[in-house]
Amino acid sequence: MMDLSSIRRDYRKKTLDEQEVHHNPIEQFKVWFEEVLTSQAVDATAFTLATMDERQRPQGRIVLLKEVLDQGFVFFTNYNSAKGQQIAKHPIGSMIFYWPELERQVRITGKIEKIAPEESRKYFKSRPVDSQISGICSPQSQEVPNRQYLEDAIENFKNSHNENEIEWPENWGGYIIIPDEVEFWQGRASRLHDRVHYQLEDGKWKIARLAP
């Protein structure tokens, strides 16, 4: 195995000044998000979602951001999945976006709530038909005997339903993460990175620069 200590890069593309950011971190996120989408970065909507399991251990996985609202950040999943069950017991979580093309990272922490059922239904029906069927047939996070089991379940569903008969499953839908802490990280030369931290205190956002 190669010497990992020799792997490094210097960051020089952009800067971040706490005097110039938006007073609301969600609005600041929108500014950065528009830039990363314009840059055509790979998987720009992907983020690591961390939740807490029954043993109070952090559990992380990659999830896709589907909407940015004034209140927070929306993603969708199976409510019976491991993360869905963890959120039901501990409705807090953390999101981490990493955009290497722009040498940026965003860390978001806050409470997690389900979105309105009609919004989940609307999004579910907007998905490709095959994705809808997979969402219905897959017992997400549960142990299955093999891949063929899943493929057979999907094939059986297709044989017994037409596209007009596909209904939104109530165990599948959206969550919104409502932040109370957000940090924007901009890579800088010689590891002297820019870190701007937002903390919600008494309904107002406090902004501070953190040492790298």
N, C-alpha and C. Protein backbone atom coordinates (compact mmCIF):
# COMPACT_ATOMS: atom_id res chain seq x y z
N MET A 1 0.84 -1.19 0.00
CA MET A 1 0.00 0.00 0.00
C MET A 1 0.88 1.24 0.00
N MET A 2 0.48 2.23 -0.80
CA MET A 2 1.28 3.45 -0.89
C MET A 2 1.22 4.23 0.41
N ASP A 3 2.18 5.13 0.57
CA ASP A 3 2.27 5.97 1.76
C ASP A 3 1.19 7.05 1.69
N LEU A 4 0.16 6.92 2.49
CA LEU A 4 -0.96 7.87 2.46
C LEU A 4 -0.55 9.25 2.97
N SER A 5 0.47 9.30 3.79
CA SER A 5 0.89 10.59 4.33
C SER A 5 1.41 11.53 3.25
N SER A 6 1.74 10.97 2.09
CA SER A 6 2.27 11.81 1.00
C SER A 6 1.17 12.38 0.11
N ILE A 7 -0.08 11.96 0.35
CA ILE A 7 -1.19 12.44 -0.49
C ILE A 7 -1.74 13.74 0.10
N ARG A 8 -1.66 14.80 -0.64
CA ARG A 8 -2.18 16.08 -0.20
C ARG A 8 -2.42 16.99 -1.39
N ARG A 9 -3.25 17.99 -1.19
CA ARG A 9 -3.47 18.99 -2.23
C ARG A 9 -3.57 20.34 -1.56
N ASP A 10 -3.25 21.37 -2.31
CA ASP A 10 -3.38 22.73 -1.80
C ASP A 10 -4.64 23.34 -2.40
N TYR A 11 -5.32 24.16 -1.63
CA TYR A 11 -6.58 24.74 -2.07
C TYR A 11 -6.40 26.23 -2.33
N ARG A 12 -6.72 26.67 -3.54
CA ARG A 12 -6.46 28.06 -3.91
C ARG A 12 -7.55 28.70 -4.75
N LYS A 13 -8.68 28.02 -4.93
CA LYS A 13 -9.67 28.51 -5.90
C LYS A 13 -10.48 29.70 -5.40
N LYS A 14 -10.93 29.67 -4.12
CA LYS A 14 -11.85 30.70 -3.66
C LYS A 14 -11.55 31.08 -2.22
N THR A 15 -12.27 32.11 -1.74
CA THR A 15 -12.15 32.56 -0.36
C THR A 15 -13.54 32.69 0.24
N LEU A 16 -13.59 32.83 1.58
CA LEU A 16 -14.87 32.99 2.27
C LEU A 16 -14.66 33.97 3.43
N ASP A 17 -15.42 35.06 3.42
CA ASP A 17 -15.29 36.11 4.42
C ASP A 17 -16.58 36.19 5.23
N GLU A 18 -16.46 36.07 6.56
CA GLU A 18 -17.65 36.12 7.41
C GLU A 18 -18.37 37.47 7.35
N GLN A 19 -17.68 38.50 6.86
CA GLN A 19 -18.32 39.82 6.74
C GLN A 19 -19.16 39.93 5.47
N GLU A 20 -19.03 38.97 4.58
CA GLU A 20 -19.72 39.07 3.29
C GLU A 20 -20.79 38.02 3.08
N VAL A 21 -20.93 37.07 3.99
CA VAL A 21 -21.93 36.01 3.82
C VAL A 21 -23.32 36.53 4.13
N HIS A 22 -24.35 35.80 3.67
CA HIS A 22 -25.73 36.16 3.96
C HIS A 22 -26.00 35.93 5.44
N HIS A 23 -26.88 36.73 6.03
CA HIS A 23 -27.16 36.59 7.46
C HIS A 23 -27.92 35.31 7.78
N ASN A 24 -28.55 34.70 6.75
CA ASN A 24 -29.29 33.44 6.92
C ASN A 24 -28.51 32.32 6.23
N PRO A 25 -28.15 31.25 6.95
CA PRO A 25 -27.33 30.20 6.34
C PRO A 25 -28.02 29.46 5.21
N ILE A 26 -29.35 29.37 5.23
CA ILE A 26 -30.04 28.70 4.13
C ILE A 26 -29.89 29.51 2.85
N GLU A 27 -29.96 30.83 2.98
CA GLU A 27 -29.75 31.68 1.81
C GLU A 27 -28.31 31.61 1.33
N GLN A 28 -27.37 31.53 2.26
CA GLN A 28 -25.97 31.37 1.88
C GLN A 28 -25.76 30.03 1.20
N PHE A 29 -26.43 28.99 1.69
CA PHE A 29 -26.34 27.67 1.05
C PHE A 29 -26.85 27.75 -0.39
N LYS A 30 -27.94 28.46 -0.61
CA LYS A 30 -28.49 28.58 -1.96
C LYS A 30 -27.48 29.22 -2.91
N VAL A 31 -26.72 30.19 -2.41
CA VAL A 31 -25.70 30.85 -3.23
C VAL A 31 -24.64 29.83 -3.64
N TRP A 32 -24.13 29.08 -2.67
CA TRP A 32 -23.11 28.08 -2.97
C TRP A 32 -23.68 26.95 -3.83
N PHE A 33 -24.91 26.56 -3.53
CA PHE A 33 -25.51 25.44 -4.27
C PHE A 33 -25.69 25.81 -5.74
N GLU A 34 -26.10 27.03 -6.01
CA GLU A 34 -26.24 27.47 -7.40
C GLU A 34 -24.89 27.44 -8.10
N GLU A 35 -23.84 27.81 -7.40
CA GLU A 35 -22.51 27.79 -8.00
C GLU A 35 -22.06 26.37 -8.31
N VAL A 36 -22.33 25.43 -7.40
CA VAL A 36 -21.87 24.06 -7.65
C VAL A 36 -22.70 23.41 -8.75
N LEU A 37 -23.98 23.74 -8.84
CA LEU A 37 -24.79 23.20 -9.93
C LEU A 37 -24.33 23.77 -11.28
N THR A 38 -24.01 25.05 -11.29
CA THR A 38 -23.52 25.68 -12.52
C THR A 38 -22.19 25.09 -12.96
N SER A 39 -21.39 24.69 -11.99
CA SER A 39 -20.07 24.10 -12.31
C SER A 39 -20.19 22.70 -12.87
N GLN A 40 -21.41 22.12 -12.83
CA GLN A 40 -21.66 20.75 -13.30
C GLN A 40 -20.81 19.73 -12.55
N ALA A 41 -20.65 19.96 -11.26
CA ALA A 41 -19.92 19.02 -10.42
C ALA A 41 -20.66 17.69 -10.37
N VAL A 42 -19.92 16.61 -10.25
CA VAL A 42 -20.52 15.27 -10.20
C VAL A 42 -21.26 15.09 -8.88
N ASP A 43 -22.51 14.61 -8.97
CA ASP A 43 -23.31 14.30 -7.77
C ASP A 43 -23.35 15.47 -6.79
N ALA A 44 -23.63 16.66 -7.32
CA ALA A 44 -23.65 17.86 -6.47
C ALA A 44 -24.73 17.80 -5.40
N THR A 45 -25.80 17.03 -5.62
CA THR A 45 -26.89 16.96 -4.65
C THR A 45 -26.65 15.91 -3.57
N ALA A 46 -25.57 15.15 -3.69
CA ALA A 46 -25.30 14.07 -2.73
C ALA A 46 -24.72 14.62 -1.43
N PHE A 47 -25.19 14.07 -0.31
CA PHE A 47 -24.63 14.46 0.98
C PHE A 47 -24.62 13.26 1.91
N THR A 48 -23.78 13.31 2.91
CA THR A 48 -23.76 12.28 3.94
C THR A 48 -24.77 12.65 5.01
N LEU A 49 -25.72 11.75 5.25
CA LEU A 49 -26.71 11.93 6.32
C LEU A 49 -26.30 11.06 7.49
N ALA A 50 -26.10 11.68 8.65
CA ALA A 50 -25.75 10.94 9.86
C ALA A 50 -26.92 10.98 10.84
N THR A 51 -27.32 9.79 11.31
CA THR A 51 -28.36 9.67 12.32
C THR A 51 -27.81 8.81 13.46
N MET A 52 -28.62 8.59 14.49
CA MET A 52 -28.18 7.85 15.66
C MET A 52 -28.99 6.57 15.80
N ASP A 53 -28.31 5.43 15.98
CA ASP A 53 -29.03 4.16 16.12
C ASP A 53 -29.44 3.92 17.57
N GLU A 54 -30.03 2.74 17.82
CA GLU A 54 -30.57 2.45 19.15
C GLU A 54 -29.48 2.35 20.22
N ARG A 55 -28.23 2.14 19.78
CA ARG A 55 -27.12 2.10 20.73
C ARG A 55 -26.40 3.44 20.82
N GLN A 56 -27.04 4.46 20.26
CA GLN A 56 -26.53 5.82 20.25
C GLN A 56 -25.18 5.92 19.53
N ARG A 57 -25.05 5.12 18.49
CA ARG A 57 -23.88 5.19 17.63
C ARG A 57 -24.26 5.93 16.36
N PRO A 58 -23.39 6.79 15.83
CA PRO A 58 -23.70 7.49 14.58
C PRO A 58 -23.70 6.52 13.41
N GLN A 59 -24.65 6.71 12.51
CA GLN A 59 -24.76 5.91 11.30
C GLN A 59 -24.85 6.87 10.11
N GLY A 60 -23.96 6.71 9.14
CA GLY A 60 -23.94 7.61 7.99
C GLY A 60 -24.16 6.88 6.69
N ARG A 61 -24.73 7.60 5.74
CA ARG A 61 -24.93 7.07 4.38
C ARG A 61 -25.13 8.25 3.43
N ILE A 62 -24.94 8.00 2.14
CA ILE A 62 -25.12 9.05 1.14
C ILE A 62 -26.59 9.12 0.74
N VAL A 63 -27.14 10.33 0.74
CA VAL A 63 -28.53 10.58 0.37
C VAL A 63 -28.53 11.75 -0.61
N LEU A 64 -29.60 11.91 -1.37
CA LEU A 64 -29.69 12.99 -2.35
C LEU A 64 -30.63 14.09 -1.86
N LEU A 65 -30.15 15.32 -1.93
CA LEU A 65 -30.98 16.48 -1.62
C LEU A 65 -31.99 16.68 -2.74
N LYS A 66 -33.26 16.90 -2.37
CA LYS A 66 -34.30 17.06 -3.38
C LYS A 66 -34.97 18.42 -3.38
N GLU A 67 -34.82 19.18 -2.31
CA GLU A 67 -35.41 20.51 -2.29
C GLU A 67 -34.80 21.32 -1.15
N VAL A 68 -34.64 22.62 -1.40
CA VAL A 68 -34.21 23.55 -0.37
C VAL A 68 -35.36 24.52 -0.12
N LEU A 69 -35.91 24.47 1.09
CA LEU A 69 -37.01 25.35 1.46
C LEU A 69 -36.50 26.42 2.42
N ASP A 70 -37.33 27.41 2.68
CA ASP A 70 -36.93 28.45 3.62
C ASP A 70 -36.68 27.87 5.02
N GLN A 71 -37.37 26.75 5.33
CA GLN A 71 -37.22 26.14 6.66
C GLN A 71 -36.06 25.16 6.74
N GLY A 72 -35.67 24.56 5.59
CA GLY A 72 -34.62 23.55 5.67
C GLY A 72 -34.45 22.75 4.39
N PHE A 73 -33.94 21.51 4.55
CA PHE A 73 -33.46 20.71 3.44
C PHE A 73 -34.23 19.38 3.38
N VAL A 74 -34.71 19.03 2.19
CA VAL A 74 -35.62 17.90 2.03
C VAL A 74 -34.94 16.74 1.31
N PHE A 75 -35.16 15.53 1.85
CA PHE A 75 -34.75 14.30 1.17
C PHE A 75 -35.86 13.27 1.35
N PHE A 76 -35.81 12.19 0.57
CA PHE A 76 -36.86 11.17 0.59
C PHE A 76 -36.27 9.79 0.86
N THR A 77 -37.07 8.94 1.50
CA THR A 77 -36.62 7.58 1.78
C THR A 77 -37.80 6.73 2.23
N ASN A 78 -37.51 5.47 2.50
CA ASN A 78 -38.50 4.56 3.08
C ASN A 78 -38.54 4.81 4.59
N TYR A 79 -39.72 5.09 5.12
CA TYR A 79 -39.84 5.38 6.55
C TYR A 79 -39.49 4.16 7.42
N ASN A 80 -39.58 2.96 6.84
CA ASN A 80 -39.27 1.74 7.59
C ASN A 80 -37.80 1.35 7.48
N SER A 81 -37.03 2.12 6.74
CA SER A 81 -35.60 1.82 6.58
C SER A 81 -34.87 2.04 7.90
N ALA A 82 -33.59 1.66 7.93
CA ALA A 82 -32.81 1.86 9.16
C ALA A 82 -32.78 3.34 9.54
N LYS A 83 -32.54 4.21 8.58
CA LYS A 83 -32.48 5.63 8.93
C LYS A 83 -33.85 6.15 9.33
N GLY A 84 -34.92 5.62 8.71
CA GLY A 84 -36.26 6.05 9.09
C GLY A 84 -36.58 5.67 10.52
N GLN A 85 -36.20 4.47 10.92
CA GLN A 85 -36.44 4.03 12.29
C GLN A 85 -35.57 4.81 13.28
N GLN A 86 -34.35 5.13 12.87
CA GLN A 86 -33.48 5.92 13.74
C GLN A 86 -34.02 7.33 13.92
N ILE A 87 -34.52 7.91 12.85
CA ILE A 87 -35.08 9.26 12.94
C ILE A 87 -36.32 9.26 13.83
N ALA A 88 -37.14 8.20 13.75
CA ALA A 88 -38.33 8.11 14.59
C ALA A 88 -37.98 8.14 16.07
N LYS A 89 -36.86 7.52 16.45
CA LYS A 89 -36.45 7.47 17.86
C LYS A 89 -35.61 8.67 18.26
N HIS A 90 -34.79 9.15 17.34
CA HIS A 90 -33.91 10.29 17.63
C HIS A 90 -34.03 11.27 16.46
N PRO A 91 -35.00 12.18 16.48
CA PRO A 91 -35.27 13.05 15.33
C PRO A 91 -34.30 14.21 15.18
N ILE A 92 -33.01 13.88 15.20
CA ILE A 92 -31.96 14.86 14.93
C ILE A 92 -30.99 14.23 13.95
N GLY A 93 -30.25 15.06 13.24
CA GLY A 93 -29.30 14.50 12.28
C GLY A 93 -28.33 15.55 11.78
N SER A 94 -27.39 15.08 10.99
CA SER A 94 -26.37 15.96 10.43
C SER A 94 -26.20 15.65 8.94
N MET A 95 -26.02 16.69 8.16
CA MET A 95 -25.77 16.56 6.72
C MET A 95 -24.38 17.13 6.43
N ILE A 96 -23.65 16.47 5.55
CA ILE A 96 -22.36 17.00 5.11
C ILE A 96 -22.29 16.93 3.59
N PHE A 97 -22.13 18.08 2.96
CA PHE A 97 -21.90 18.17 1.52
C PHE A 97 -20.41 18.41 1.30
N TYR A 98 -19.84 17.73 0.31
CA TYR A 98 -18.45 17.97 -0.07
C TYR A 98 -18.39 18.15 -1.57
N TRP A 99 -17.92 19.31 -1.99
CA TRP A 99 -17.82 19.64 -3.42
C TRP A 99 -16.36 19.91 -3.76
N PRO A 100 -15.59 18.87 -4.09
CA PRO A 100 -14.16 19.06 -4.33
C PRO A 100 -13.86 19.97 -5.51
N GLU A 101 -14.78 20.03 -6.48
CA GLU A 101 -14.55 20.89 -7.65
C GLU A 101 -14.39 22.36 -7.24
N LEU A 102 -15.09 22.75 -6.17
CA LEU A 102 -15.01 24.13 -5.68
C LEU A 102 -14.26 24.23 -4.36
N GLU A 103 -13.70 23.09 -3.92
CA GLU A 103 -12.94 23.04 -2.68
C GLU A 103 -13.78 23.53 -1.49
N ARG A 104 -15.01 22.99 -1.42
CA ARG A 104 -15.96 23.45 -0.40
C ARG A 104 -16.63 22.30 0.33
N GLN A 105 -17.02 22.58 1.56
CA GLN A 105 -17.77 21.65 2.38
C GLN A 105 -18.82 22.44 3.16
N VAL A 106 -19.99 21.83 3.35
CA VAL A 106 -21.03 22.43 4.19
C VAL A 106 -21.49 21.37 5.18
N ARG A 107 -21.53 21.74 6.46
CA ARG A 107 -22.00 20.84 7.52
C ARG A 107 -23.24 21.44 8.16
N ILE A 108 -24.32 20.67 8.23
CA ILE A 108 -25.61 21.14 8.72
C ILE A 108 -26.11 20.19 9.80
N THR A 109 -26.58 20.74 10.91
CA THR A 109 -27.13 19.93 12.00
C THR A 109 -28.47 20.50 12.42
N GLY A 110 -29.44 19.62 12.73
CA GLY A 110 -30.73 20.11 13.18
C GLY A 110 -31.73 19.00 13.40
N LYS A 111 -32.95 19.39 13.71
CA LYS A 111 -34.00 18.41 13.94
C LYS A 111 -34.57 17.94 12.60
N ILE A 112 -35.15 16.74 12.60
CA ILE A 112 -35.69 16.14 11.39
C ILE A 112 -37.18 15.89 11.58
N GLU A 113 -37.98 16.30 10.60
CA GLU A 113 -39.42 16.09 10.64
C GLU A 113 -39.89 15.54 9.29
N LYS A 114 -40.99 14.81 9.31
CA LYS A 114 -41.61 14.39 8.05
C LYS A 114 -42.27 15.58 7.38
N ILE A 115 -42.24 15.62 6.06
CA ILE A 115 -42.98 16.65 5.34
C ILE A 115 -44.43 16.20 5.19
N ALA A 116 -45.27 17.07 4.68
CA ALA A 116 -46.69 16.77 4.54
C ALA A 116 -46.89 15.59 3.58
N PRO A 117 -47.84 14.69 3.89
CA PRO A 117 -48.07 13.52 3.02
C PRO A 117 -48.35 13.89 1.57
N GLU A 118 -49.09 14.96 1.34
CA GLU A 118 -49.40 15.33 -0.05
C GLU A 118 -48.15 15.71 -0.83
N GLU A 119 -47.14 16.28 -0.12
CA GLU A 119 -45.89 16.61 -0.79
C GLU A 119 -45.09 15.35 -1.11
N SER A 120 -45.13 14.37 -0.21
CA SER A 120 -44.47 13.09 -0.49
C SER A 120 -45.13 12.39 -1.66
N ARG A 121 -46.45 12.40 -1.68
CA ARG A 121 -47.19 11.77 -2.78
C ARG A 121 -46.85 12.45 -4.12
N LYS A 122 -46.81 13.75 -4.11
CA LYS A 122 -46.51 14.51 -5.33
C LYS A 122 -45.13 14.15 -5.87
N TYR A 123 -44.13 14.11 -4.98
CA TYR A 123 -42.79 13.78 -5.44
C TYR A 123 -42.71 12.33 -5.92
N PHE A 124 -43.34 11.42 -5.17
CA PHE A 124 -43.30 10.00 -5.55
C PHE A 124 -43.83 9.82 -6.97
N LYS A 125 -44.93 10.49 -7.30
CA LYS A 125 -45.53 10.33 -8.63
C LYS A 125 -44.69 10.99 -9.72
N SER A 126 -43.77 11.88 -9.34
CA SER A 126 -42.90 12.52 -10.33
C SER A 126 -41.70 11.65 -10.69
N ARG A 127 -41.45 10.60 -9.92
CA ARG A 127 -40.30 9.73 -10.16
C ARG A 127 -40.55 8.84 -11.38
N PRO A 128 -39.47 8.36 -12.03
CA PRO A 128 -39.66 7.39 -13.11
C PRO A 128 -40.43 6.18 -12.60
N VAL A 129 -41.20 5.56 -13.47
CA VAL A 129 -42.05 4.44 -13.06
C VAL A 129 -41.24 3.33 -12.42
N ASP A 130 -40.09 2.99 -12.99
CA ASP A 130 -39.28 1.91 -12.42
C ASP A 130 -38.79 2.27 -11.02
N SER A 131 -38.52 3.55 -10.77
CA SER A 131 -38.11 3.97 -9.44
C SER A 131 -39.27 3.87 -8.46
N GLN A 132 -40.47 4.19 -8.93
CA GLN A 132 -41.65 4.03 -8.09
C GLN A 132 -41.83 2.56 -7.67
N ILE A 133 -41.70 1.68 -8.64
CA ILE A 133 -41.88 0.25 -8.36
C ILE A 133 -40.81 -0.26 -7.41
N SER A 134 -39.57 0.17 -7.60
CA SER A 134 -38.49 -0.24 -6.69
C SER A 134 -38.78 0.23 -5.27
N GLY A 135 -39.29 1.46 -5.15
CA GLY A 135 -39.60 2.00 -3.84
C GLY A 135 -40.69 1.21 -3.14
N ILE A 136 -41.62 0.67 -3.92
CA ILE A 136 -42.71 -0.12 -3.34
C ILE A 136 -42.23 -1.52 -2.97
N CYS A 137 -41.45 -2.13 -3.84
CA CYS A 137 -41.10 -3.55 -3.68
C CYS A 137 -39.92 -3.80 -2.75
N SER A 138 -39.04 -2.83 -2.59
CA SER A 138 -37.85 -3.07 -1.79
C SER A 138 -38.13 -2.89 -0.29
N PRO A 139 -37.92 -3.93 0.52
CA PRO A 139 -38.05 -3.80 1.97
C PRO A 139 -36.76 -3.20 2.53
N GLN A 140 -36.56 -1.92 2.30
CA GLN A 140 -35.27 -1.27 2.50
C GLN A 140 -34.68 -1.55 3.88
N SER A 141 -33.41 -1.90 3.89
CA SER A 141 -32.59 -2.19 5.06
C SER A 141 -32.86 -3.57 5.67
N GLN A 142 -33.87 -4.28 5.19
CA GLN A 142 -34.13 -5.62 5.71
C GLN A 142 -33.28 -6.66 4.97
N GLU A 143 -32.96 -7.73 5.64
CA GLU A 143 -32.17 -8.80 5.03
C GLU A 143 -33.02 -9.56 4.01
N VAL A 144 -32.44 -9.79 2.83
CA VAL A 144 -33.12 -10.57 1.79
C VAL A 144 -32.19 -11.70 1.37
N PRO A 145 -32.73 -12.80 0.82
CA PRO A 145 -31.89 -13.96 0.51
C PRO A 145 -30.88 -13.71 -0.59
N ASN A 146 -31.24 -12.92 -1.59
CA ASN A 146 -30.34 -12.67 -2.72
C ASN A 146 -30.95 -11.59 -3.61
N ARG A 147 -30.20 -11.18 -4.64
CA ARG A 147 -30.70 -10.15 -5.55
C ARG A 147 -31.91 -10.64 -6.34
N GLN A 148 -31.90 -11.93 -6.67
CA GLN A 148 -33.01 -12.49 -7.45
C GLN A 148 -34.34 -12.28 -6.74
N TYR A 149 -34.32 -12.34 -5.43
CA TYR A 149 -35.54 -12.13 -4.64
C TYR A 149 -36.13 -10.76 -4.95
N LEU A 150 -35.27 -9.74 -5.03
CA LEU A 150 -35.75 -8.39 -5.32
C LEU A 150 -36.22 -8.26 -6.77
N GLU A 151 -35.45 -8.85 -7.68
CA GLU A 151 -35.83 -8.78 -9.09
C GLU A 151 -37.15 -9.49 -9.35
N ASP A 152 -37.37 -10.61 -8.66
CA ASP A 152 -38.63 -11.34 -8.80
C ASP A 152 -39.80 -10.52 -8.25
N ALA A 153 -39.56 -9.83 -7.14
CA ALA A 153 -40.62 -9.01 -6.54
C ALA A 153 -41.04 -7.90 -7.49
N ILE A 154 -40.07 -7.29 -8.14
CA ILE A 154 -40.37 -6.22 -9.09
C ILE A 154 -41.08 -6.77 -10.31
N GLU A 155 -40.61 -7.91 -10.82
CA GLU A 155 -41.24 -8.51 -11.99
C GLU A 155 -42.68 -8.92 -11.69
N ASN A 156 -42.91 -9.49 -10.53
CA ASN A 156 -44.27 -9.88 -10.15
C ASN A 156 -45.18 -8.66 -10.03
N PHE A 157 -44.63 -7.58 -9.51
CA PHE A 157 -45.44 -6.36 -9.40
C PHE A 157 -45.81 -5.84 -10.78
N LYS A 158 -44.85 -5.82 -11.69
CA LYS A 158 -45.12 -5.33 -13.04
C LYS A 158 -46.16 -6.20 -13.75
N ASN A 159 -46.12 -7.49 -13.49
CA ASN A 159 -47.07 -8.39 -14.13
C ASN A 159 -48.48 -8.25 -13.58
N SER A 160 -48.60 -7.74 -12.38
CA SER A 160 -49.92 -7.64 -11.76
C SER A 160 -50.48 -6.22 -11.69
N HIS A 161 -49.70 -5.23 -12.15
CA HIS A 161 -50.15 -3.84 -12.13
C HIS A 161 -49.78 -3.16 -13.44
N ASN A 162 -50.59 -2.18 -13.82
CA ASN A 162 -50.17 -1.31 -14.91
C ASN A 162 -49.77 0.03 -14.30
N GLU A 163 -49.20 0.92 -15.12
CA GLU A 163 -48.66 2.17 -14.60
C GLU A 163 -49.72 3.01 -13.90
N ASN A 164 -50.94 2.95 -14.36
CA ASN A 164 -52.00 3.76 -13.77
C ASN A 164 -52.45 3.25 -12.41
N GLU A 165 -52.03 2.04 -12.06
CA GLU A 165 -52.44 1.43 -10.79
C GLU A 165 -51.41 1.62 -9.68
N ILE A 166 -50.29 2.28 -10.00
CA ILE A 166 -49.24 2.45 -9.00
C ILE A 166 -49.65 3.56 -8.02
N GLU A 167 -49.74 3.21 -6.76
CA GLU A 167 -50.13 4.16 -5.73
C GLU A 167 -48.95 4.50 -4.82
N TRP A 168 -48.95 5.70 -4.32
CA TRP A 168 -47.91 6.12 -3.38
C TRP A 168 -48.01 5.29 -2.11
N PRO A 169 -46.92 4.61 -1.70
CA PRO A 169 -46.94 3.85 -0.45
C PRO A 169 -46.73 4.78 0.74
N GLU A 170 -47.56 4.67 1.74
CA GLU A 170 -47.50 5.60 2.85
C GLU A 170 -46.27 5.40 3.74
N ASN A 171 -45.52 4.32 3.51
CA ASN A 171 -44.28 4.11 4.27
C ASN A 171 -43.07 4.71 3.54
N TRP A 172 -43.32 5.52 2.54
CA TRP A 172 -42.24 6.14 1.76
C TRP A 172 -42.55 7.64 1.65
N GLY A 173 -41.55 8.46 1.93
CA GLY A 173 -41.82 9.89 1.83
C GLY A 173 -40.64 10.75 2.21
N GLY A 174 -40.95 12.01 2.44
CA GLY A 174 -39.90 13.00 2.65
C GLY A 174 -39.69 13.41 4.09
N TYR A 175 -38.47 13.85 4.34
CA TYR A 175 -38.10 14.45 5.62
C TYR A 175 -37.52 15.83 5.33
N ILE A 176 -37.64 16.72 6.30
CA ILE A 176 -36.95 18.00 6.22
C ILE A 176 -36.04 18.14 7.42
N ILE A 177 -34.80 18.54 7.17
CA ILE A 177 -33.87 18.84 8.25
C ILE A 177 -33.93 20.34 8.48
N ILE A 178 -34.34 20.72 9.69
CA ILE A 178 -34.47 22.13 10.06
C ILE A 178 -33.24 22.51 10.87
N PRO A 179 -32.34 23.29 10.29
CA PRO A 179 -31.03 23.49 10.92
C PRO A 179 -31.05 24.44 12.11
N ASP A 180 -30.16 24.15 13.06
CA ASP A 180 -29.86 25.10 14.12
C ASP A 180 -28.36 25.39 14.19
N GLU A 181 -27.61 24.70 13.32
CA GLU A 181 -26.17 24.93 13.23
C GLU A 181 -25.71 24.62 11.80
N VAL A 182 -24.95 25.53 11.21
CA VAL A 182 -24.45 25.34 9.84
C VAL A 182 -23.02 25.87 9.77
N GLU A 183 -22.16 25.13 9.10
CA GLU A 183 -20.80 25.61 8.89
C GLU A 183 -20.43 25.51 7.42
N PHE A 184 -19.87 26.59 6.91
CA PHE A 184 -19.36 26.64 5.53
C PHE A 184 -17.83 26.62 5.59
N TRP A 185 -17.26 25.68 4.84
CA TRP A 185 -15.80 25.49 4.82
C TRP A 185 -15.29 25.73 3.41
N GLN A 186 -14.33 26.63 3.29
CA GLN A 186 -13.70 26.90 2.01
C GLN A 186 -12.22 26.59 2.12
N GLY A 187 -11.73 25.65 1.30
CA GLY A 187 -10.33 25.30 1.33
C GLY A 187 -9.45 26.47 0.94
N ARG A 188 -8.34 26.64 1.66
CA ARG A 188 -7.39 27.70 1.37
C ARG A 188 -5.97 27.14 1.38
N ALA A 189 -5.05 27.91 0.89
CA ALA A 189 -3.66 27.48 0.78
C ALA A 189 -3.05 27.24 2.16
N SER A 190 -2.13 26.29 2.21
CA SER A 190 -1.35 25.97 3.42
C SER A 190 -2.23 25.56 4.60
N ARG A 191 -3.38 25.01 4.31
CA ARG A 191 -4.32 24.51 5.32
C ARG A 191 -4.91 25.62 6.20
N LEU A 192 -4.77 26.88 5.79
CA LEU A 192 -5.36 27.98 6.55
C LEU A 192 -6.77 28.23 5.98
N HIS A 193 -7.63 27.24 6.16
CA HIS A 193 -8.95 27.25 5.54
C HIS A 193 -9.87 28.29 6.18
N ASP A 194 -10.87 28.71 5.39
CA ASP A 194 -11.92 29.60 5.89
C ASP A 194 -13.08 28.77 6.41
N ARG A 195 -13.50 29.04 7.65
CA ARG A 195 -14.65 28.36 8.25
C ARG A 195 -15.58 29.41 8.84
N VAL A 196 -16.81 29.46 8.31
CA VAL A 196 -17.81 30.39 8.82
C VAL A 196 -18.93 29.57 9.45
N HIS A 197 -19.18 29.83 10.71
CA HIS A 197 -20.10 29.02 11.51
C HIS A 197 -21.34 29.83 11.89
N TYR A 198 -22.52 29.22 11.68
CA TYR A 198 -23.79 29.81 12.08
C TYR A 198 -24.37 29.00 13.23
N GLN A 199 -24.83 29.66 14.28
CA GLN A 199 -25.49 29.01 15.40
C GLN A 199 -26.79 29.76 15.69
N LEU A 200 -27.90 29.01 15.76
CA LEU A 200 -29.19 29.63 16.04
C LEU A 200 -29.33 29.82 17.55
N GLU A 201 -29.49 31.08 17.98
CA GLU A 201 -29.62 31.40 19.39
C GLU A 201 -30.79 32.36 19.58
N ASP A 202 -31.80 31.92 20.34
CA ASP A 202 -32.99 32.74 20.60
C ASP A 202 -33.63 33.23 19.31
N GLY A 203 -33.68 32.33 18.32
CA GLY A 203 -34.35 32.64 17.06
C GLY A 203 -33.54 33.48 16.09
N LYS A 204 -32.29 33.79 16.44
CA LYS A 204 -31.45 34.59 15.56
C LYS A 204 -30.14 33.84 15.27
N TRP A 205 -29.62 34.06 14.08
CA TRP A 205 -28.40 33.39 13.69
C TRP A 205 -27.18 34.20 14.12
N LYS A 206 -26.30 33.55 14.87
CA LYS A 206 -25.02 34.14 15.25
C LYS A 206 -23.96 33.62 14.29
N ILE A 207 -23.17 34.54 13.75
CA ILE A 207 -22.15 34.17 12.76
C ILE A 207 -20.77 34.41 13.34
N ALA A 208 -19.88 33.42 13.18
CA ALA A 208 -18.52 33.55 13.68
C ALA A 208 -17.55 32.83 12.76
N ARG A 209 -16.32 33.30 12.77
CA ARG A 209 -15.24 32.60 12.05
C ARG A 209 -14.58 31.63 13.01
N LEU A 210 -14.33 30.40 12.52
CA LEU A 210 -13.64 29.39 13.30
C LEU A 210 -12.23 29.18 12.75
N ALA A 211 -11.30 28.88 13.64
CA ALA A 211 -9.95 28.55 13.19
C ALA A 211 -9.97 27.22 12.46
N PRO A 212 -9.14 27.05 11.44
CA PRO A 212 -9.13 25.80 10.69
C PRO A 212 -8.53 24.65 11.50
